[in-house]
Protein backbone atom coordinates (compact mmCIF):
# COMPACT_ATOMS: atom_id res chain seq x y z
CA MET A 1 -40.72 29.90 22.20
CA TRP A 2 -40.58 27.35 25.24
CA PRO A 3 -42.91 24.93 23.79
CA LEU A 4 -41.21 24.43 20.67
CA LEU A 5 -37.92 23.91 22.16
CA LEU A 6 -39.64 21.02 24.30
CA LEU A 7 -41.00 19.68 21.23
CA LEU A 8 -37.76 19.70 19.86
CA CYS A 9 -35.79 18.10 22.71
CA ALA A 10 -38.39 15.41 22.44
CA LEU A 11 -37.92 14.86 19.09
CA PRO A 12 -35.27 11.79 17.57
CA LEU A 13 -31.90 13.38 16.64
CA THR A 14 -32.36 13.06 13.27
CA LEU A 15 -35.80 14.86 12.92
CA ARG A 16 -34.75 16.94 15.47
CA ALA A 17 -32.04 18.03 13.07
CA GLN A 18 -34.22 18.24 10.25
CA ALA A 19 -36.83 20.89 12.36
CA VAL A 20 -34.09 23.24 12.53
CA GLY A 21 -32.86 23.07 9.09
CA GLN A 22 -29.52 21.11 9.86
CA PRO A 23 -28.35 18.77 7.23
CA VAL A 24 -28.91 14.79 8.64
CA PHE A 25 -26.49 12.10 8.02
CA THR A 26 -27.09 8.35 7.76
CA HIS A 27 -25.19 5.41 8.68
CA ALA A 28 -24.59 5.27 4.52
CA ASP A 29 -22.96 8.41 4.71
CA THR A 30 -20.64 7.48 7.57
CA ILE A 31 -19.66 4.35 5.86
CA ARG A 32 -19.01 6.38 2.10
CA GLY A 33 -16.94 9.29 3.65
CA SER A 34 -15.18 7.88 6.96
CA ASN A 35 -11.88 6.25 7.31
CA THR A 36 -13.51 2.76 9.04
CA PRO A 37 -11.75 0.30 10.45
CA GLN A 38 -12.04 -1.84 7.44
CA ARG A 39 -10.44 0.74 5.50
CA SER A 40 -7.92 2.42 7.79
CA TRP A 41 -5.62 -1.00 8.08
CA TRP A 42 -4.70 -1.29 4.25
CA ASP A 43 -3.23 1.33 1.87
CA ALA A 44 -4.02 0.94 -1.91
CA SER A 45 -0.86 0.83 -4.07
CA PHE A 46 -1.80 -0.18 -7.41
CA TYR A 47 -5.49 -0.64 -9.44
CA ASP A 48 -5.42 -2.94 -12.20
CA LEU A 49 -9.06 -2.40 -13.73
CA HIS A 50 -10.77 -4.25 -16.72
CA VAL A 51 -13.71 -3.16 -17.58
CA LYS A 52 -15.81 -4.02 -20.63
CA VAL A 53 -18.43 -1.59 -21.84
CA ASN A 54 -21.42 -2.19 -23.32
CA PRO A 55 -23.56 0.17 -24.73
CA ALA A 56 -25.93 -1.99 -26.46
CA ASP A 57 -27.69 -2.63 -23.04
CA SER A 58 -26.01 -0.18 -20.70
CA SER A 59 -24.03 -2.41 -18.70
CA ILE A 60 -20.69 -3.25 -17.88
CA THR A 61 -18.37 -6.23 -16.65
CA GLY A 62 -15.24 -6.49 -15.05
CA TYR A 63 -12.79 -6.99 -12.31
CA ASN A 64 -10.40 -4.77 -10.60
CA ALA A 65 -7.08 -6.63 -8.82
CA ILE A 66 -6.18 -4.16 -5.95
CA THR A 67 -2.86 -4.77 -4.75
CA TYR A 68 -2.37 -2.81 -1.04
CA ARG A 69 -0.06 -2.30 1.48
CA VAL A 70 -1.02 -3.63 5.19
CA ILE A 71 -0.67 -0.94 7.82
CA LYS A 72 -1.65 -3.27 10.56
CA PRO A 73 -2.91 -6.84 10.94
CA ALA A 74 -6.70 -6.94 10.00
CA ARG A 75 -9.34 -9.78 9.26
CA GLU A 76 -11.98 -7.79 7.43
CA MET A 77 -11.53 -5.64 4.68
CA GLN A 78 -13.91 -3.01 3.12
CA ILE A 79 -14.35 -2.50 -0.78
CA ASP A 80 -16.93 0.33 -2.24
CA LEU A 81 -19.05 -0.69 -5.19
CA GLN A 82 -22.50 0.76 -5.43
CA MET A 83 -25.96 -0.72 -5.98
CA PRO A 84 -27.16 -2.09 -8.45
CA LEU A 85 -23.86 -3.17 -9.71
CA VAL A 86 -22.98 -6.78 -8.42
CA VAL A 87 -20.21 -8.70 -7.06
CA ASP A 88 -19.56 -12.12 -9.15
CA SER A 89 -16.58 -13.03 -7.00
CA ILE A 90 -13.59 -12.05 -4.75
CA VAL A 91 -10.70 -14.01 -5.24
CA GLN A 92 -7.14 -13.49 -3.14
CA ASP A 93 -4.19 -16.46 -3.49
CA GLY A 94 -6.37 -18.18 -5.59
CA LEU A 95 -8.89 -18.83 -3.08
CA GLU A 96 -12.62 -17.05 -3.35
CA LEU A 97 -13.40 -14.80 -0.09
CA SER A 98 -16.79 -14.63 1.62
CA ALA A 99 -18.36 -10.93 2.05
CA ARG A 100 -21.30 -9.38 3.40
CA ARG A 101 -22.92 -6.44 1.80
CA ASP A 102 -23.83 -3.43 3.85
CA GLY A 103 -25.60 -0.68 0.96
CA ASN A 104 -22.50 0.14 -1.53
CA ALA A 105 -20.08 -1.35 0.84
CA PHE A 106 -18.76 -4.90 0.96
CA TYR A 107 -17.08 -6.47 4.13
CA VAL A 108 -14.92 -8.85 3.06
CA THR A 109 -13.62 -11.86 5.45
CA MET A 110 -9.83 -12.36 4.81
CA ILE A 111 -8.35 -16.28 5.28
CA ALA A 112 -4.84 -15.54 4.23
CA PRO A 113 -3.00 -13.52 7.06
CA GLN A 114 -2.53 -10.09 6.54
CA ARG A 115 0.99 -9.05 8.18
CA GLU A 116 2.14 -5.66 8.63
CA GLY A 117 4.44 -4.25 5.87
CA THR A 118 3.68 -6.71 3.46
CA LYS A 119 2.03 -6.09 -0.04
CA LYS A 120 -1.06 -8.08 -1.27
CA THR A 121 -3.61 -8.27 -4.08
CA ILE A 122 -7.03 -9.19 -4.05
CA SER A 123 -9.22 -9.13 -7.14
CA VAL A 124 -12.95 -8.15 -7.27
CA TYR A 125 -15.08 -9.54 -10.11
CA TYR A 126 -18.41 -7.57 -11.17
CA HIS A 127 -21.34 -7.11 -13.61
CA GLY A 128 -24.53 -5.04 -13.79
CA LYS A 129 -25.87 -1.78 -14.97
CA PRO A 130 -24.33 1.32 -13.42
CA THR A 131 -26.32 4.33 -12.35
CA VAL A 132 -27.04 6.61 -15.13
CA ALA A 133 -26.27 10.13 -14.78
CA THR A 134 -29.04 12.56 -15.53
CA ARG A 135 -27.18 15.48 -15.25
CA ALA A 136 -23.44 14.78 -15.78
CA PRO A 137 -21.21 16.12 -14.35
CA TRP A 138 -23.12 17.52 -11.56
CA ASP A 139 -24.97 14.33 -10.29
CA GLY A 140 -22.40 11.61 -11.44
CA GLY A 141 -22.60 8.22 -13.15
CA PHE A 142 -22.38 6.97 -16.69
CA VAL A 143 -23.71 8.52 -19.58
CA TRP A 144 -24.84 6.63 -22.56
CA ALA A 145 -25.31 9.05 -25.39
CA THR A 146 -25.03 9.71 -29.23
CA ASP A 147 -22.87 12.18 -31.11
CA SER A 148 -25.00 14.21 -33.78
CA LEU A 149 -24.58 11.47 -36.40
CA ALA A 150 -26.36 8.89 -33.85
CA ARG A 151 -23.21 6.95 -32.80
CA ASN A 152 -22.69 5.48 -29.59
CA TRP A 153 -20.62 7.79 -27.19
CA VAL A 154 -20.03 7.20 -23.87
CA ALA A 155 -18.42 8.67 -20.81
CA THR A 156 -18.30 8.89 -17.00
CA ALA A 157 -18.29 11.57 -14.77
CA ASN A 158 -18.48 10.53 -10.87
CA GLU A 159 -16.91 13.37 -8.73
CA GLY A 160 -18.77 13.67 -5.24
CA LEU A 161 -20.83 10.51 -6.29
CA GLY A 162 -17.54 8.57 -6.01
CA ALA A 163 -15.78 5.93 -8.52
CA SER A 164 -17.26 3.18 -6.84
CA VAL A 165 -20.43 4.28 -9.01
CA TRP A 166 -18.59 2.07 -11.70
CA TRP A 167 -16.08 0.14 -10.30
CA PRO A 168 -14.69 -1.60 -7.03
CA ASN A 169 -11.92 0.15 -4.98
CA LYS A 170 -11.12 1.86 -1.63
CA ASP A 171 -13.84 4.73 -2.23
CA LEU A 172 -11.90 7.48 0.17
CA LEU A 173 -10.64 10.59 -0.93
CA SER A 174 -7.49 10.31 1.29
CA ASP A 175 -6.26 6.98 -0.04
CA GLU A 176 -4.87 7.36 -4.06
CA PRO A 177 -2.82 4.55 -5.63
CA ASP A 178 0.54 4.99 -6.72
CA SER A 179 -0.09 4.02 -10.07
CA GLN A 180 -3.47 2.57 -12.17
CA ARG A 181 -3.95 0.46 -15.39
CA VAL A 182 -7.35 1.42 -16.86
CA GLU A 183 -8.12 -1.19 -19.65
CA ILE A 184 -11.24 -0.48 -21.52
CA THR A 185 -12.98 -2.72 -23.62
CA VAL A 186 -15.42 -1.10 -26.05
CA PRO A 187 -17.80 -2.33 -29.48
CA GLU A 188 -15.00 -2.05 -32.39
CA GLY A 189 -15.59 1.43 -34.43
CA LEU A 190 -15.32 3.06 -30.96
CA ILE A 191 -12.31 4.55 -29.21
CA ASP A 192 -11.49 4.75 -25.28
CA VAL A 193 -9.51 7.43 -24.13
CA SER A 194 -8.75 7.06 -20.44
CA ASN A 195 -6.23 8.32 -18.11
CA GLY A 196 -2.37 8.71 -18.81
CA ARG A 197 -0.45 6.91 -21.58
CA LEU A 198 -2.17 4.66 -23.94
CA ARG A 199 -0.10 1.19 -23.81
CA GLY A 200 -1.31 -0.86 -26.23
CA THR A 201 -4.88 -1.03 -28.47
CA GLY A 202 -6.15 -4.34 -30.26
CA LEU A 203 -9.04 -6.53 -30.35
CA GLU A 204 -7.42 -9.64 -28.24
CA SER A 205 -6.44 -8.19 -25.13
CA GLY A 206 -9.53 -7.23 -23.01
CA ILE A 207 -12.31 -9.26 -21.27
CA LEU A 208 -14.85 -12.06 -21.37
CA ASP A 209 -18.12 -11.17 -19.66
CA THR A 210 -17.08 -13.87 -17.20
CA LYS A 211 -13.79 -14.83 -15.87
CA PRO A 212 -12.22 -18.20 -18.11
CA ALA A 213 -12.76 -21.43 -15.71
CA ASP A 214 -9.33 -22.62 -16.68
CA GLY A 215 -7.86 -19.26 -14.84
CA SER A 216 -6.16 -18.05 -18.37
CA THR A 217 -6.03 -14.84 -19.29
CA PRO A 218 -9.47 -13.00 -20.27
CA ARG A 219 -9.24 -12.09 -23.94
CA ALA A 220 -12.05 -9.73 -25.85
CA SER A 221 -14.72 -11.19 -27.98
CA PRO A 222 -15.15 -10.77 -31.60
CA GLY A 223 -16.31 -7.03 -32.70
CA TRP A 224 -14.62 -5.79 -29.60
CA ARG A 225 -11.83 -3.59 -29.18
CA THR A 226 -9.19 -2.66 -26.22
CA ASP A 227 -7.64 0.33 -25.12
CA ASP A 228 -4.93 -0.21 -22.42
CA TRP A 229 -3.74 2.94 -20.67
CA PHE A 230 -1.59 3.39 -17.90
CA VAL A 231 -1.58 5.86 -15.24
CA SER A 232 2.37 6.10 -13.65
CA ASN A 233 1.29 8.76 -10.90
CA PRO A 234 -1.31 8.79 -7.78
CA ILE A 235 -4.54 9.48 -9.15
CA ASN A 236 -7.89 10.50 -7.53
CA ASN A 237 -10.47 7.46 -8.03
CA TYR A 238 -13.24 9.86 -9.21
CA ASP A 239 -10.56 10.92 -11.89
CA VAL A 240 -10.33 7.46 -13.61
CA ALA A 241 -12.71 8.06 -16.87
CA VAL A 242 -14.18 6.18 -19.69
CA ASN A 243 -14.50 8.17 -22.67
CA ALA A 244 -15.21 6.28 -25.71
CA GLY A 245 -16.51 7.73 -29.08
CA HIS A 246 -15.53 8.32 -32.88
CA TYR A 247 -12.58 10.41 -31.89
CA ALA A 248 -10.10 12.03 -34.20
CA HIS A 249 -6.63 12.42 -32.64
CA PHE A 250 -3.87 14.67 -33.02
CA SER A 251 -0.79 16.13 -30.95
CA ASP A 252 1.81 18.95 -30.24
CA VAL A 253 4.19 19.32 -27.63
CA TYR A 254 4.77 22.19 -25.11
CA GLN A 255 8.10 23.07 -23.84
CA GLY A 256 7.38 23.39 -20.24
CA GLU A 257 9.38 23.71 -16.86
CA LYS A 258 10.32 20.41 -16.95
CA GLY A 259 11.15 19.88 -20.29
CA LYS A 260 8.94 18.36 -23.46
CA LEU A 261 5.29 17.88 -22.65
CA THR A 262 3.07 15.91 -24.88
CA LEU A 263 -0.10 16.93 -25.61
CA ASP A 264 -2.86 14.65 -27.09
CA PHE A 265 -6.49 16.04 -28.36
CA TYR A 266 -9.26 13.79 -28.97
CA PRO A 267 -12.13 15.66 -30.44
CA LEU A 268 -15.24 13.93 -32.54
CA ASP A 269 -13.95 13.35 -36.03
CA TYR A 270 -16.31 15.76 -37.34
CA HIS A 271 -15.21 18.53 -35.04
CA LEU A 272 -11.51 17.93 -36.16
CA ASP A 273 -11.34 21.31 -37.66
CA THR A 274 -13.10 23.06 -35.34
CA ALA A 275 -10.97 21.68 -32.37
CA ARG A 276 -6.91 22.42 -34.02
CA LYS A 277 -8.62 26.15 -33.98
CA GLN A 278 -10.30 25.78 -30.23
CA PHE A 279 -7.25 23.97 -28.49
CA SER A 280 -4.75 26.06 -29.42
CA GLN A 281 -5.61 27.98 -26.18
CA VAL A 282 -3.83 25.10 -24.40
CA LYS A 283 -0.47 26.16 -24.46
CA PRO A 284 -0.94 29.57 -23.14
CA MET A 285 -2.89 28.36 -20.51
CA LEU A 286 0.04 25.76 -19.56
CA GLN A 287 2.33 28.64 -19.56
CA CYS A 288 0.44 30.69 -17.49
CA PHE A 289 -0.30 28.35 -15.21
CA GLU A 290 3.12 26.89 -14.96
CA SER A 291 3.98 30.69 -14.13
CA TRP A 292 1.86 30.86 -11.14
CA PHE A 293 1.51 27.64 -9.69
CA GLY A 294 4.76 25.70 -10.93
CA PRO A 295 5.46 22.84 -13.73
CA TYR A 296 2.32 20.84 -14.56
CA PRO A 297 2.14 17.80 -12.13
CA TRP A 298 2.02 14.87 -15.06
CA TYR A 299 4.50 15.03 -17.47
CA GLU A 300 5.40 11.55 -17.07
CA ASP A 301 1.48 11.12 -18.03
CA GLY A 302 1.07 13.99 -20.36
CA TYR A 303 -1.74 16.00 -20.81
CA LYS A 304 -5.05 15.48 -23.02
CA LEU A 305 -8.41 17.35 -23.78
CA VAL A 306 -10.94 14.71 -24.71
CA GLU A 307 -14.44 16.07 -26.06
CA THR A 308 -17.38 14.73 -24.06
CA PRO A 309 -20.90 14.55 -24.17
CA HIS A 310 -21.31 16.18 -21.01
CA LEU A 311 -19.65 19.74 -20.13
CA GLY A 312 -16.42 18.80 -18.28
CA MET A 313 -14.36 17.12 -15.78
CA GLU A 314 -11.14 17.63 -14.03
CA HIS A 315 -10.32 13.59 -15.07
CA GLN A 316 -6.64 14.03 -14.42
CA SER A 317 -4.08 13.93 -17.62
CA ALA A 318 -7.43 13.01 -19.52
CA VAL A 319 -9.55 16.60 -19.16
CA ALA A 320 -12.63 16.12 -20.42
CA TYR A 321 -14.15 18.89 -22.34
CA GLY A 322 -17.83 19.54 -24.03
CA ASN A 323 -17.84 23.33 -24.12
CA HIS A 324 -19.40 22.92 -27.76
CA TYR A 325 -15.99 25.10 -29.14
CA LYS A 326 -17.15 28.49 -27.61
CA ASN A 327 -15.60 30.67 -25.69
CA GLY A 328 -16.97 31.42 -21.92
CA TYR A 329 -19.12 29.31 -20.43
CA LEU A 330 -21.10 27.75 -23.24
CA GLY A 331 -20.81 31.07 -24.72
CA ARG A 332 -21.67 33.31 -21.90
CA ASP A 333 -19.15 35.29 -19.34
CA ARG A 334 -20.08 34.33 -15.79
CA SER A 335 -18.50 37.74 -14.63
CA ALA A 336 -20.25 39.49 -17.10
CA THR A 337 -17.63 41.84 -17.63
CA GLY A 338 -16.70 40.75 -21.05
CA HIS A 339 -13.33 39.01 -20.12
CA GLY A 340 -14.45 35.53 -19.72
CA LEU A 341 -15.63 35.88 -23.63
CA GLN A 342 -11.75 35.92 -24.54
CA TRP A 343 -11.01 32.01 -23.34
CA ASP A 344 -12.63 28.99 -23.41
CA PHE A 345 -14.28 28.52 -19.63
CA ILE A 346 -13.66 24.58 -19.53
CA ILE A 347 -10.50 24.29 -21.21
CA ILE A 348 -9.02 27.10 -18.49
CA HIS A 349 -11.09 25.83 -15.30
CA GLU A 350 -10.70 21.90 -15.70
CA SER A 351 -7.00 22.57 -16.40
CA ALA A 352 -6.38 24.33 -13.53
CA HIS A 353 -7.52 21.16 -11.58
CA GLU A 354 -4.41 19.35 -12.60
CA TRP A 355 -3.07 21.40 -9.83
CA TRP A 356 -5.68 22.26 -7.75
CA GLY A 357 -7.58 18.86 -6.97
CA ASN A 358 -5.53 16.61 -8.90
CA SER A 359 -1.85 17.10 -7.42
CA ILE A 360 -2.95 18.97 -4.39
CA THR A 361 -6.24 16.91 -3.46
CA MET A 362 -8.71 17.54 -0.24
CA LYS A 363 -8.82 14.17 2.31
CA ASP A 364 -12.40 14.58 2.64
CA GLN A 365 -15.24 16.14 0.70
CA ALA A 366 -16.06 18.82 3.07
CA ASP A 367 -12.76 20.62 2.16
CA MET A 368 -13.66 20.73 -1.65
CA TRP A 369 -13.26 24.46 -1.53
CA ILE A 370 -9.51 23.71 -2.08
CA HIS A 371 -9.94 22.24 -5.64
CA GLU A 372 -13.10 24.96 -6.59
CA SER A 373 -11.84 27.92 -4.90
CA PHE A 374 -8.23 27.92 -6.26
CA ALA A 375 -9.36 26.51 -9.86
CA THR A 376 -12.08 29.31 -9.89
CA TYR A 377 -9.27 32.32 -8.81
CA ALA A 378 -7.09 30.56 -11.55
CA GLU A 379 -9.37 32.09 -13.91
CA GLY A 380 -8.85 35.32 -12.94
CA LEU A 381 -4.99 34.71 -13.35
CA TYR A 382 -5.41 33.41 -16.64
CA THR A 383 -7.28 36.65 -17.44
CA GLU A 384 -4.38 38.53 -16.04
CA CYS A 385 -1.74 36.68 -18.06
CA GLN A 386 -4.13 37.72 -21.30
CA GLN A 387 -5.48 40.97 -20.43
CA GLY A 388 -3.67 42.39 -17.21
CA LYS A 389 -4.01 42.81 -13.75
CA LYS A 390 -7.05 45.32 -13.55
CA ALA A 391 -8.75 42.59 -16.04
CA GLY A 392 -8.06 39.72 -13.97
CA ALA A 393 -9.52 41.38 -10.78
CA GLU A 394 -12.37 42.68 -12.82
CA TYR A 395 -13.33 39.21 -13.78
CA THR A 396 -13.34 37.53 -10.11
CA ILE A 397 -14.97 40.47 -8.78
CA GLY A 398 -17.69 40.20 -11.20
CA GLN A 399 -18.29 36.96 -10.14
CA ARG A 400 -19.81 38.57 -6.58
CA LYS A 401 -23.13 38.53 -7.84
CA LEU A 402 -23.45 34.67 -8.05
CA ILE A 403 -22.64 34.21 -4.59
CA ARG A 404 -25.41 33.00 -2.57
CA ASN A 405 -23.93 32.88 0.78
CA ASP A 406 -26.52 30.12 1.77
CA LYS A 407 -24.54 27.92 3.96
CA PRO A 408 -20.42 27.45 4.77
CA ILE A 409 -18.02 26.55 2.35
CA ILE A 410 -16.30 23.81 4.29
CA GLY A 411 -18.98 21.04 4.68
CA ALA A 412 -19.45 18.12 7.53
CA TYR A 413 -16.41 16.09 7.94
CA GLY A 414 -16.67 12.19 7.81
CA VAL A 415 -20.24 11.81 5.54
CA ASN A 416 -18.73 12.74 2.17
CA ASP A 417 -20.54 16.02 2.46
CA GLU A 418 -19.39 18.98 0.10
CA GLY A 419 -20.23 22.68 1.52
CA SER A 420 -21.94 25.47 -0.11
CA GLY A 421 -21.31 25.73 -3.91
CA ASP A 422 -19.98 28.91 -3.07
CA MET A 423 -16.61 27.51 -2.79
CA TYR A 424 -16.34 28.37 -6.18
CA ASP A 425 -16.92 32.36 -6.38
CA LYS A 426 -16.48 33.25 -2.98
CA GLY A 427 -13.54 31.23 -2.46
CA ALA A 428 -11.92 32.82 -5.60
CA ASN A 429 -12.59 36.51 -3.95
CA MET A 430 -11.44 35.31 -0.62
CA LEU A 431 -7.98 34.43 -2.22
CA LEU A 432 -7.96 37.61 -4.22
CA THR A 433 -8.63 39.56 -0.70
CA ILE A 434 -5.95 37.10 0.81
CA ARG A 435 -3.64 38.64 -2.11
CA GLU A 436 -4.30 42.06 -1.41
CA LEU A 437 -3.41 41.36 2.19
CA VAL A 438 -0.19 39.88 1.13
CA ASP A 439 0.58 43.03 -0.86
CA ASP A 440 3.10 41.69 -2.87
CA ASP A 441 2.87 39.92 -6.13
CA ALA A 442 6.34 38.12 -6.30
CA ARG A 443 5.50 36.75 -2.53
CA TRP A 444 2.28 35.48 -3.38
CA ARG A 445 3.38 33.98 -6.48
CA GLY A 446 5.70 32.15 -4.44
CA ILE A 447 2.86 31.22 -2.00
CA LEU A 448 1.14 29.63 -4.80
CA ARG A 449 4.15 27.81 -6.23
CA GLY A 450 5.31 26.75 -2.88
CA LEU A 451 1.97 25.16 -1.87
CA ASN A 452 1.98 23.15 -5.08
CA LYS A 453 5.87 22.04 -4.28
CA THR A 454 5.33 21.30 -0.66
CA PHE A 455 1.91 19.52 -1.51
CA TRP A 456 3.01 17.60 -4.66
CA HIS A 457 0.94 14.60 -5.33
CA GLN A 458 -0.67 14.59 -1.94
CA THR A 459 -4.07 14.63 -0.57
CA VAL A 460 -4.50 17.66 2.09
CA THR A 461 -6.50 19.41 4.79
CA THR A 462 -8.01 22.51 5.02
CA LYS A 463 -5.79 23.32 8.23
CA GLN A 464 -2.84 22.36 6.08
CA ILE A 465 -3.27 24.80 3.35
CA GLU A 466 -4.45 27.71 5.74
CA ASN A 467 -1.42 27.24 7.64
CA TYR A 468 0.91 27.40 4.82
CA ILE A 469 -0.41 30.60 3.53
CA SER A 470 -0.15 32.19 6.88
CA ARG A 471 3.46 30.85 7.47
CA GLN A 472 4.47 31.97 4.10
CA SER A 473 2.71 35.47 3.93
CA GLY A 474 4.11 36.33 7.50
CA LEU A 475 0.16 36.88 8.19
CA ASN A 476 -2.35 35.56 10.79
CA LEU A 477 -5.06 34.70 8.74
CA SER A 478 -6.76 32.41 10.74
CA LYS A 479 -9.83 34.68 11.45
CA VAL A 480 -10.09 35.59 7.64
CA PHE A 481 -10.28 31.84 6.69
CA ASP A 482 -12.67 31.32 9.64
CA GLN A 483 -14.72 34.35 8.27
CA TYR A 484 -15.29 32.72 4.46
CA LEU A 485 -14.78 29.31 5.12
CA ARG A 486 -16.60 28.53 7.94
CA THR A 487 -19.49 31.36 8.03
CA THR A 488 -22.27 33.10 5.51
CA LYS A 489 -21.59 36.43 6.93
CA ILE A 490 -19.21 38.93 4.80
CA PRO A 491 -17.51 41.36 6.72
CA THR A 492 -19.07 44.74 6.85
CA LEU A 493 -16.88 48.04 7.34
CA GLU A 494 -19.25 50.58 9.02
CA TYR A 495 -17.60 53.92 9.00
CA LYS A 496 -18.42 57.63 9.74
CA LEU A 497 -17.08 60.82 8.11
CA GLU A 498 -17.53 63.68 10.43
CA GLY A 499 -15.46 66.62 8.51
CA GLN A 500 -11.96 65.13 7.54
CA LYS A 501 -12.68 62.42 10.31
CA LEU A 502 -12.80 58.66 9.76
CA SER A 503 -14.25 56.21 12.30
CA PHE A 504 -14.85 52.58 11.50
CA ARG A 505 -14.99 49.19 12.74
CA TRP A 506 -15.96 45.65 11.50
CA THR A 507 -19.45 43.98 12.13
CA SER A 508 -20.91 40.65 11.12
CA VAL A 509 -17.29 39.13 11.46
CA VAL A 510 -16.29 36.20 13.71
CA PRO A 511 -14.77 37.02 17.12
CA GLY A 512 -11.19 38.76 16.75
CA PHE A 513 -11.91 39.53 13.47
CA ALA A 514 -9.29 42.24 12.65
CA MET A 515 -8.38 42.59 9.05
CA PRO A 516 -6.80 45.57 7.64
CA ILE A 517 -7.76 46.78 4.48
CA LYS A 518 -7.10 49.27 1.79
CA VAL A 519 -9.06 52.53 1.10
CA THR A 520 -9.19 55.50 -0.79
CA THR A 521 -8.83 58.69 1.07
CA SER A 522 -8.64 61.29 -1.82
CA THR A 523 -8.61 60.45 -5.47
CA ASP A 524 -6.87 57.61 -6.50
CA ARG A 525 -4.73 57.53 -3.37
CA LEU A 526 -4.36 54.25 -1.58
CA GLY A 527 -3.86 54.00 2.50
CA TRP A 528 -4.50 51.04 4.62
CA ILE A 529 -6.80 50.88 7.90
CA ARG A 530 -7.21 48.63 10.77
CA PRO A 531 -10.77 47.72 11.88
CA THR A 532 -11.34 46.11 14.88
CA GLU A 533 -14.75 45.09 16.09
CA ARG A 534 -14.71 48.57 18.04
CA TRP A 535 -14.94 51.65 16.75
CA LYS A 536 -11.54 53.35 16.23
CA SER A 537 -10.48 56.40 14.07
CA GLY A 538 -7.72 56.27 11.56
CA ALA A 539 -4.85 58.95 10.99
CA LEU A 540 -5.61 58.80 7.55
CA LYS A 541 -5.76 62.69 6.10
CA LEU A 542 -9.05 62.64 4.18
CA ASP A 543 -8.34 65.90 1.59
CA ARG A 544 -12.10 65.08 0.18
CA PRO A 545 -14.27 63.08 2.24
CA GLU A 546 -16.66 62.36 -0.70
CA ASP A 547 -13.88 60.18 -2.41
CA PHE A 548 -13.63 57.72 0.51
CA ARG A 549 -14.22 54.21 -0.47
CA VAL A 550 -12.76 50.80 0.15
CA ASP A 551 -10.38 48.92 -2.12
CA GLU A 552 -12.96 46.40 -4.01
CA ASN A 553 -10.51 44.20 -4.57
CA PHE A 554 -11.48 42.89 -0.79
CA TYR A 555 -14.75 41.19 -0.69
CA VAL A 556 -16.44 43.22 1.85
CA ASN A 557 -19.50 45.31 2.26
CA ALA A 558 -19.27 48.97 3.30
CA LYS A 559 -21.76 51.11 5.26
CA ASP A 560 -21.99 54.61 6.14
CA VAL A 561 -24.03 54.81 9.22
CA LEU A 562 -24.48 58.64 8.99
CA LYS A 563 -26.40 58.05 6.06
CA PRO A 564 -29.85 57.82 6.32
CA ALA A 565 -31.74 54.26 6.15
CA ALA A 566 -33.71 54.84 3.41
CA ASP A 567 -30.97 56.40 1.41
CA SER A 568 -30.21 53.36 -1.10
CA THR A 569 -26.67 54.22 -1.04
CA THR A 570 -26.35 53.73 2.98
CA ALA A 571 -25.02 49.90 2.45
CA ARG A 572 -22.57 49.72 -0.20
CA LYS A 573 -21.44 46.25 -1.27
CA VAL A 574 -17.81 46.46 -2.06
CA GLN A 575 -18.04 43.65 -4.63
């Protein structure tokens, strides 16, 4: 032991972290994930993005005019654009600015005074071959694909990796523009579907490979088509998407809580009839989620579902769909209960992100659970809307077998680090557990709707979400969140049944953990016990001790300490 400790202390910090299995973060991670001095002085207001996409050589060319508010005076601005993309020029007020590159960040020297409270615009012209996603949407980047008729089919998916993998911006989750233009030029014959509403389509409104020398408005070359989209709401930069294919289009209207919501669907042309049938799930999904979460967040920009060559992604107001028109997750039920085969996983999960992830957005990648735990829990709520409360709980409980407990759900802050993939299924089961603690479905619905009203179109921290739920529930849930989000330990209820006497305590918990829990004391009769880390006895009457069990809606383990260790039922997972 001691020689190993001495050896570890002698190692450099990065090697020391590697030796003990801790993640190692680099200078580049800090630049990517933190609000650096070169970022903190300005606030993105509007992105005017123009990109020409060329499938022939997997290249892109374009520019982004960034309008921003000056928060405080500064001389240097950080703009992110990932290698191997190349910046051609950076222009402000007709002057070309100098910049130094540090990996995937450009530090631009400002010439004009940056006066606090003013608005200014800087334009970044660039080109190159962006990173190709080899396993989208998980690894991120551009997808250069072909459909079954060997026609070009292009898409982007870049959560985690960042929007700067294909366009220059302030690649920081906590700063969203108030609105955005997305003008995409593609070879004629393709249609691009991006976020927001289509403002215009033509063959003469796009961009050339380079900015015209006379400063005139760039125009498309013959044989190219430009689709001009406009997002009138704040948008996560990673949600901005290219979807270019041979699409058909059909539309509908949903009468929602805020009136008429336009629905637009873009399947590949040869999937039109299949899509009309499968996409009929959208209206009941919207009805369910509006009842639980409040109004759909983007009535001004509409709802779109767009077929993509990758599985799917929550691209705001243009949800990416690649589930092959099957119910379940590519035809499988992740919960193994059968309930998940009654609906299309991608339609339900990715659309839930319109509330959880797009409207309410994490400030830091470490808090990604805010997106994924709630969206995964929403799958159970949709099951409840369609099949009843018991089925909804069974669906979420069925996902527990997928939990690994490999590392905490919350990652490291300031370095663009996401926590364990358990943020999906474990996070959903944490929310199911909290719902049981609240023990009032009307109040629980009010909490979910209240979160969306309070943090409407905002970026948030974990603490803000935790504090809101605790305050509105009237419960101190701090230790519950600590337990499930910040450790890999699952609470274990140790208990002893001695005649009709029940004794119990919590083990494998954070200090101070005292979560009450429902237990069955006789056939079909539930009651509350309030364990702590010390043994205590309950006042419950045990008519039939053999019927004792923990309510399965709580994600905990249960262990009868009086049973022999060799007994396979000694440790019962209440999952």
